[in-house]
């Protein structure tokens, strides 16, 4: 008979993502100091707090996405901020800003032009009241939209992905 571990003994420790670039890679658009603070202190705080909050709860064995879909209060807030920041940091690059033809075609089909998309994204971000996130999402039909959410709410927590099929292509944090 093989060994089986009791499922209630399994815990999940969420970890701060490793950046796929150096801290100075985004200069002059984002300084090394800003990136170090935002990733190593701000983002790390959400990860640490989430791990503290889930000890001894049903969330202790859940993935980040499962927590976001089922939690509320401080556990939801910290899990959603970890998720949001993961996507934010992984979406940054120092390799230029040339769009792929596929993304350019999707943007043009959804917003009439790349310039119109930029204008709408900037307007959505600059008219957002308070802190939050602006997301570029794609639905199951391949249509893009720009969504704005307050605080830590995100496309993952706002929609049942299995029902609507929407998924995030990128995000911008708003303070």
Protein backbone atom coordinates (compact mmCIF):
# COMPACT_ATOMS: atom_id res chain seq x y z
CA UNK A 1 0.00 0.00 0.00
CA UNK A 2 1.37 3.38 -1.00
CA UNK A 3 1.84 6.37 1.24
CA UNK A 4 -0.91 9.01 1.12
CA UNK A 5 -0.62 12.31 2.87
CA UNK A 6 -3.64 13.62 4.71
CA UNK A 7 -4.94 16.51 2.57
CA UNK A 8 -5.60 18.67 5.61
CA UNK A 9 -1.86 18.53 6.33
CA UNK A 10 -1.01 20.16 3.00
CA UNK A 11 -0.46 23.89 3.11
CA UNK A 12 0.37 26.33 0.39
CA UNK A 13 2.86 29.10 0.91
CA UNK A 14 2.49 31.91 -1.57
CA UNK A 15 5.75 33.48 -2.68
CA UNK A 16 6.87 36.77 -4.13
CA UNK A 17 7.52 36.36 -7.85
CA UNK A 18 11.02 36.78 -9.16
CA UNK A 19 11.28 39.62 -11.62
CA UNK A 20 12.34 38.54 -15.12
CA UNK A 21 14.57 41.63 -15.38
CA UNK A 22 17.01 43.56 -13.23
CA UNK A 23 15.88 46.40 -10.98
CA UNK A 24 17.48 49.01 -13.24
CA UNK A 25 16.19 47.47 -16.49
CA UNK A 26 13.17 49.78 -16.72
CA UNK A 27 15.02 53.07 -16.31
CA UNK A 28 14.29 55.85 -17.18
CA UNK A 29 10.59 54.90 -17.18
CA UNK A 30 10.77 53.38 -13.70
CA UNK A 31 13.71 53.95 -11.42
CA UNK A 32 15.60 51.16 -9.72
CA UNK A 33 14.56 52.57 -6.34
CA UNK A 34 10.87 52.66 -7.30
CA UNK A 35 10.95 49.10 -8.57
CA UNK A 36 12.83 47.82 -5.51
CA UNK A 37 10.36 49.52 -3.17
CA UNK A 38 7.23 48.51 -5.05
CA UNK A 39 8.30 44.89 -5.55
CA UNK A 40 10.45 44.08 -2.52
CA UNK A 41 8.50 45.97 0.12
CA UNK A 42 4.97 46.80 -1.11
CA UNK A 43 4.26 43.58 -3.06
CA UNK A 44 6.11 41.46 -0.49
CA UNK A 45 3.85 42.86 2.23
CA UNK A 46 0.76 41.51 0.46
CA UNK A 47 2.39 38.08 0.08
CA UNK A 48 3.50 37.96 3.72
CA UNK A 49 0.14 39.14 5.04
CA UNK A 50 -1.77 36.63 2.87
CA UNK A 51 0.37 33.77 4.20
CA UNK A 52 -0.24 34.93 7.78
CA UNK A 53 -4.01 35.25 7.27
CA UNK A 54 -4.60 31.83 5.71
CA UNK A 55 -2.89 29.73 8.39
CA UNK A 56 -5.43 27.37 9.90
CA UNK A 57 -8.20 28.31 7.45
CA UNK A 58 -9.76 26.54 4.48
CA UNK A 59 -7.69 28.86 2.27
CA UNK A 60 -4.41 27.35 3.49
CA UNK A 61 -4.36 24.72 0.72
CA UNK A 62 -5.83 26.86 -2.07
CA UNK A 63 -4.17 28.44 -5.05
CA UNK A 64 -4.22 32.20 -5.36
CA UNK A 65 -7.02 32.03 -7.93
CA UNK A 66 -9.11 29.76 -5.71
CA UNK A 67 -8.71 32.17 -2.80
CA UNK A 68 -9.74 35.15 -4.94
CA UNK A 69 -12.85 33.30 -6.10
CA UNK A 70 -13.97 32.29 -2.62
CA UNK A 71 -12.61 34.69 0.00
CA UNK A 72 -13.67 38.10 1.20
CA UNK A 73 -12.31 40.72 3.55
CA UNK A 74 -8.60 40.86 4.30
CA UNK A 75 -7.84 37.45 2.80
CA UNK A 76 -9.47 38.44 -0.50
CA UNK A 77 -7.79 41.87 -0.47
CA UNK A 78 -4.30 40.49 0.02
CA UNK A 79 -4.75 37.59 -2.43
CA UNK A 80 -6.14 39.90 -5.10
CA UNK A 81 -3.29 42.38 -4.62
CA UNK A 82 -0.72 39.58 -4.95
CA UNK A 83 -2.40 38.46 -8.17
CA UNK A 84 -2.70 42.01 -9.53
CA UNK A 85 0.90 42.84 -8.76
CA UNK A 86 2.15 39.55 -10.25
CA UNK A 87 0.48 40.42 -13.55
CA UNK A 88 1.68 44.02 -13.36
CA UNK A 89 5.33 43.13 -12.80
CA UNK A 90 5.34 40.30 -15.33
CA UNK A 91 3.84 42.65 -17.92
CA UNK A 92 6.68 45.15 -17.68
CA UNK A 93 9.55 44.88 -20.11
CA UNK A 94 12.66 46.67 -21.20
CA UNK A 95 12.56 45.10 -24.65
CA UNK A 96 10.65 47.87 -26.43
CA UNK A 97 7.01 48.57 -27.06
CA UNK A 98 6.37 47.26 -30.56
CA UNK A 99 3.07 45.41 -30.64
CA UNK A 100 2.83 41.98 -32.21
CA UNK A 101 0.76 41.92 -35.38
CA UNK A 102 -1.80 39.70 -33.64
CA UNK A 103 -2.28 42.15 -30.76
CA UNK A 104 -2.31 45.12 -33.11
CA UNK A 105 -5.06 43.44 -35.16
CA UNK A 106 -7.10 42.68 -32.02
CA UNK A 107 -6.76 46.28 -30.82
CA UNK A 108 -7.75 47.66 -34.21
CA UNK A 109 -10.76 45.34 -34.40
CA UNK A 110 -11.91 46.36 -30.91
CA UNK A 111 -10.98 50.06 -30.79
CA UNK A 112 -10.68 51.05 -34.49
CA UNK A 113 -6.97 51.91 -34.10
CA UNK A 114 -4.02 51.58 -31.75
CA UNK A 115 -4.14 55.35 -31.19
CA UNK A 116 -7.82 55.16 -30.18
CA UNK A 117 -7.01 52.30 -27.78
CA UNK A 118 -4.22 54.34 -26.19
CA UNK A 119 -6.52 57.34 -25.81
CA UNK A 120 -9.27 55.24 -24.23
CA UNK A 121 -6.85 53.44 -21.89
CA UNK A 122 -5.29 56.74 -20.75
CA UNK A 123 -8.73 58.30 -20.24
CA UNK A 124 -9.93 55.29 -18.24
CA UNK A 125 -6.79 55.44 -16.07
CA UNK A 126 -6.71 59.20 -15.53
CA UNK A 127 -10.41 59.53 -14.74
CA UNK A 128 -10.43 56.66 -12.26
CA UNK A 129 -11.22 57.92 -8.76
CA UNK A 130 -8.89 56.65 -6.04
CA UNK A 131 -6.57 53.67 -6.14
CA UNK A 132 -7.21 50.67 -8.30
CA UNK A 133 -6.38 48.97 -11.56
CA UNK A 134 -7.12 49.35 -15.25
CA UNK A 135 -7.09 46.10 -17.23
CA UNK A 136 -6.98 45.19 -20.89
CA UNK A 137 -9.06 42.03 -21.18
CA UNK A 138 -10.11 39.71 -23.99
CA UNK A 139 -13.34 37.73 -24.07
CA UNK A 140 -14.06 34.34 -25.59
CA UNK A 141 -14.93 35.98 -28.94
CA UNK A 142 -11.58 37.76 -29.15
CA UNK A 143 -12.98 41.20 -28.36
CA UNK A 144 -10.84 43.46 -26.21
CA UNK A 145 -12.15 45.85 -23.59
CA UNK A 146 -10.70 48.18 -20.99
CA UNK A 147 -11.97 47.61 -17.47
CA UNK A 148 -11.41 49.78 -14.41
CA UNK A 149 -11.69 48.46 -10.86
CA UNK A 150 -11.32 50.06 -7.45
CA UNK A 151 -8.73 49.00 -4.90
CA UNK A 152 -7.79 45.34 -5.31
CA UNK A 153 -10.75 44.14 -7.36
CA UNK A 154 -9.65 42.61 -10.64
CA UNK A 155 -10.97 40.86 -13.71
CA UNK A 156 -10.45 37.51 -12.04
CA UNK A 157 -12.58 38.35 -9.01
CA UNK A 158 -15.18 40.33 -10.91
CA UNK A 159 -16.09 37.67 -13.48
CA UNK A 160 -16.52 33.95 -13.44
CA UNK A 161 -13.82 33.17 -15.98
CA UNK A 162 -15.31 29.81 -16.81
CA UNK A 163 -18.63 31.49 -17.64
CA UNK A 164 -17.47 34.60 -19.45
CA UNK A 165 -14.12 33.40 -20.71
CA UNK A 166 -12.50 36.80 -20.19
CA UNK A 167 -8.84 36.99 -19.36
CA UNK A 168 -6.37 39.71 -18.66
CA UNK A 169 -3.78 40.76 -21.22
CA UNK A 170 -2.26 43.55 -19.15
CA UNK A 171 -2.83 45.98 -16.33
CA UNK A 172 -1.89 49.39 -14.99
CA UNK A 173 -1.81 50.19 -11.29
CA UNK A 174 -3.42 53.44 -10.15
CA UNK A 175 -2.48 55.34 -7.00
